[in-house]
Protein backbone atom coordinates (compact mmCIF):
# COMPACT_ATOMS: atom_id res chain seq x y z
CA MET A 1 -27.18 23.21 -21.89
CA ARG A 2 -24.81 24.62 -19.27
CA TYR A 3 -24.44 22.90 -15.94
CA ALA A 4 -23.64 24.46 -12.60
CA PRO A 5 -20.06 24.02 -11.32
CA LYS A 6 -21.46 21.76 -8.59
CA HIS A 7 -22.69 19.37 -11.30
CA LYS A 8 -19.19 18.99 -12.72
CA ALA A 9 -17.76 18.30 -9.25
CA GLU A 10 -20.46 15.71 -8.53
CA THR A 11 -19.88 14.05 -11.90
CA HIS A 12 -16.13 14.02 -11.29
CA ALA A 13 -16.63 12.39 -7.87
CA ARG A 14 -18.95 9.77 -9.39
CA ILE A 15 -16.36 8.93 -12.05
CA VAL A 16 -13.61 8.58 -9.43
CA GLN A 17 -15.77 6.39 -7.16
CA ASP A 18 -16.68 4.10 -10.05
CA ALA A 19 -13.06 3.89 -11.17
CA ALA A 20 -11.94 3.14 -7.59
CA ARG A 21 -14.31 0.19 -7.43
CA ARG A 22 -13.51 -1.02 -10.93
CA VAL A 23 -9.76 -0.91 -10.48
CA ARG A 24 -9.97 -2.93 -7.25
CA SER A 25 -12.31 -5.54 -8.72
CA GLU A 26 -10.91 -5.78 -12.27
CA GLY A 27 -7.33 -4.53 -11.97
CA ILE A 28 -5.68 -1.49 -13.45
CA GLY A 29 -6.86 -2.40 -16.95
CA GLY A 30 -10.43 -2.79 -15.67
CA ALA A 31 -10.84 0.93 -15.21
CA ALA A 32 -10.88 1.54 -18.94
CA VAL A 33 -11.79 5.11 -19.79
CA SER A 34 -14.66 4.03 -22.04
CA SER A 35 -16.21 1.80 -19.34
CA VAL A 36 -15.88 4.34 -16.56
CA MET A 37 -17.31 7.14 -18.68
CA ARG A 38 -20.16 4.97 -19.98
CA ASP A 39 -21.12 4.07 -16.40
CA ALA A 40 -21.16 7.78 -15.57
CA GLY A 41 -23.47 8.40 -18.54
CA LEU A 42 -20.80 10.35 -20.40
CA THR A 43 -18.86 9.94 -23.61
CA HIS A 44 -15.23 8.96 -23.88
CA GLY A 45 -14.49 12.46 -25.16
CA GLY A 46 -15.83 14.02 -21.97
CA PHE A 47 -13.09 12.28 -20.03
CA TYR A 48 -10.57 15.03 -20.74
CA LYS A 49 -12.83 17.66 -19.20
CA HIS A 50 -12.22 15.86 -15.91
CA PHE A 51 -8.73 14.30 -16.15
CA GLN A 52 -5.48 15.03 -17.95
CA SER A 53 -4.76 11.34 -18.52
CA LYS A 54 -5.72 7.81 -17.56
CA ASP A 55 -2.90 7.88 -15.00
CA ALA A 56 -4.51 10.94 -13.41
CA LEU A 57 -7.77 8.98 -13.09
CA LEU A 58 -5.91 5.99 -11.66
CA ILE A 59 -4.17 8.16 -9.06
CA GLU A 60 -7.46 9.75 -8.02
CA SER A 61 -9.17 6.36 -7.89
CA LEU A 62 -6.39 4.97 -5.66
CA ARG A 63 -6.68 8.05 -3.43
CA GLU A 64 -10.43 7.35 -3.14
CA ALA A 65 -9.82 3.66 -2.41
CA PHE A 66 -7.33 4.48 0.36
CA ARG A 67 -9.77 7.06 1.76
CA GLU A 68 -12.57 4.47 1.86
CA ILE A 69 -10.56 1.74 3.60
CA SER A 70 -8.97 4.22 6.03
CA GLU A 71 -12.38 5.57 6.93
CA ARG A 72 -13.77 2.07 7.50
CA LEU A 73 -10.84 0.96 9.66
CA THR A 74 -10.67 4.24 11.59
CA HIS A 75 -14.38 4.07 12.32
CA ALA A 76 -14.05 0.49 13.58
CA ALA A 77 -11.00 1.31 15.73
CA ALA A 78 -12.55 4.46 17.15
CA SER A 79 -15.43 2.42 18.54
CA ALA A 80 -13.06 0.07 20.41
CA LYS A 81 -11.11 0.58 23.61
CA ARG A 82 -7.82 2.35 23.01
CA GLU A 83 -5.66 -0.66 23.99
CA THR A 84 -7.57 -3.06 21.71
CA ALA A 85 -8.21 -0.72 18.76
CA TRP A 86 -5.48 -2.36 16.67
CA LYS A 87 -7.14 -5.74 17.18
CA THR A 88 -10.39 -4.26 15.88
CA VAL A 89 -8.49 -3.00 12.81
CA VAL A 90 -7.10 -6.52 12.25
CA THR A 91 -10.49 -8.18 12.73
CA THR A 92 -12.18 -5.73 10.36
CA TYR A 93 -9.47 -6.06 7.71
CA LEU A 94 -9.31 -9.86 7.89
CA SER A 95 -13.08 -10.28 7.71
CA PRO A 96 -14.86 -12.54 5.21
CA GLU A 97 -16.69 -9.45 3.89
CA HIS A 98 -13.44 -7.68 3.05
CA CYS A 99 -12.14 -10.86 1.45
CA ASP A 100 -15.26 -11.32 -0.66
CA HIS A 101 -15.55 -7.69 -1.81
CA ALA A 102 -12.24 -6.53 -3.27
CA GLU A 103 -14.08 -3.70 -5.02
CA LEU A 104 -14.75 -2.08 -1.63
CA GLY A 105 -11.51 -2.95 0.12
CA CYS A 106 -7.87 -2.14 0.47
CA PRO A 107 -6.24 -1.21 -2.84
CA LEU A 108 -2.95 -2.78 -1.77
CA ALA A 109 -4.49 -6.21 -1.28
CA ALA A 110 -6.25 -5.91 -4.62
CA LEU A 111 -3.50 -4.32 -6.71
CA ALA A 112 -0.01 -4.64 -5.20
CA PRO A 113 1.50 -6.83 -7.95
CA GLU A 114 0.14 -4.56 -10.69
CA LEU A 115 1.17 -1.38 -8.90
CA ALA A 116 4.70 -2.78 -8.51
CA ARG A 117 4.97 -2.74 -12.32
CA THR A 118 4.00 0.92 -12.71
CA GLY A 119 6.43 3.74 -13.39
CA LYS A 120 8.06 6.19 -11.01
CA PRO A 121 5.33 8.87 -11.18
CA MET A 122 2.66 6.35 -10.20
CA LYS A 123 4.85 4.92 -7.44
CA ALA A 124 5.48 8.43 -6.09
CA ALA A 125 1.73 9.06 -5.94
CA LEU A 126 1.21 5.64 -4.34
CA LEU A 127 3.86 6.38 -1.70
CA GLU A 128 2.03 9.60 -0.82
CA GLU A 129 -1.24 7.69 -0.33
CA LEU A 130 0.43 4.86 1.58
CA THR A 131 2.03 7.42 3.90
CA LYS A 132 -1.38 9.00 4.59
CA TYR A 133 -2.84 5.51 5.19
CA LYS A 134 -0.05 4.69 7.65
CA ASP A 135 -0.41 8.03 9.44
CA GLN A 136 -4.15 7.46 9.89
CA MET A 137 -3.61 3.96 11.28
CA LEU A 138 -0.62 4.72 13.57
CA PRO A 139 -2.70 6.02 16.49
CA PHE A 140 -4.36 2.60 16.70
CA MET A 141 -1.22 0.47 16.39
CA PRO A 142 0.37 -1.27 19.37
CA GLY A 143 3.59 0.20 20.72
CA ARG A 144 4.77 2.81 23.18
CA THR A 145 6.73 5.02 20.78
CA GLY A 146 6.10 6.37 17.33
CA ALA A 147 8.86 4.17 15.92
CA ALA A 148 7.37 1.07 17.57
CA LYS A 149 3.92 1.91 16.22
CA GLU A 150 5.37 2.38 12.72
CA ARG A 151 7.14 -1.01 12.87
CA ALA A 152 3.90 -2.57 14.06
CA PHE A 153 1.98 -0.94 11.22
CA PHE A 154 4.29 -2.39 8.57
CA ALA A 155 4.36 -5.85 10.16
CA ILE A 156 0.61 -5.97 10.75
CA PHE A 157 -0.46 -4.54 7.40
CA SER A 158 2.06 -6.59 5.41
CA THR A 159 0.74 -9.74 7.08
CA MET A 160 -2.89 -8.75 6.52
CA ILE A 161 -2.36 -7.77 2.87
CA GLY A 162 -0.61 -11.06 2.17
CA ALA A 163 -3.20 -13.14 3.99
CA LEU A 164 -6.08 -11.40 2.25
CA SER A 165 -4.41 -11.82 -1.15
CA ILE A 166 -3.88 -15.54 -0.55
CA ALA A 167 -7.39 -16.05 0.81
CA ARG A 168 -8.94 -14.42 -2.25
CA VAL A 169 -7.43 -17.01 -4.59
CA LEU A 170 -8.75 -19.99 -2.64
CA PRO A 171 -11.83 -21.78 -3.95
CA SER A 172 -13.87 -22.28 -0.79
CA PRO A 173 -15.12 -20.07 2.03
CA ALA A 174 -13.73 -22.56 4.57
CA LEU A 175 -10.19 -22.33 3.17
CA ARG A 176 -10.42 -18.53 2.95
CA ALA A 177 -11.59 -18.36 6.57
CA GLN A 178 -8.75 -20.64 7.66
CA VAL A 179 -6.14 -18.30 6.14
CA LEU A 180 -7.78 -15.16 7.57
CA ASP A 181 -8.24 -16.70 11.03
CA THR A 182 -4.66 -17.99 11.11
CA ALA A 183 -3.24 -14.59 10.20
CA ARG A 184 -5.45 -12.85 12.76
CA ASP A 185 -4.47 -15.29 15.52
CA PHE A 186 -0.78 -14.97 14.59
CA LEU A 187 -0.96 -11.18 14.82
CA PHE A 188 -2.84 -11.26 18.12
CA ASP A 189 -0.21 -13.60 19.57
CA SER A 190 2.69 -11.52 18.22
CA PHE A 191 1.90 -8.07 19.64
């Protein structure tokens, strides 16, 4: 049975979305080809009709993960006043929901240590996505100049990624909230 080209594109998108969630919740090894394809209702062999390699799937899944978090943060910031948009980004990022649902959140908070161990081609693709992420967030960052906004982005996001990573390893909601609230308050007082 032949499928329409639209079917292949929809299937491809479904595979990438599943892999994006799996890799954030289970790590790079969690997005095993067999698991992702099984969830899509396809065979392992069908994988190569969609991707050249597992790395190609990983890159697309990271692209999707960055797209999702950028969209969520941009939407939140766009609904705030211009001068407080960055605070809305911080509040959204350091929320208990984001902490509790790594599979739907920022790929850097979920995967940074693993991604640091990847090879140069993966790091080059990651740099491209991180640059897009930064460029989408810069309009909302505090600062009068582009350079000041870029410095703020790196300081704010590095703090948030670290705080979220630490909070996720803590055993109780109260301890997680304490870390997230402390980081948020620190950032609000610093900019």
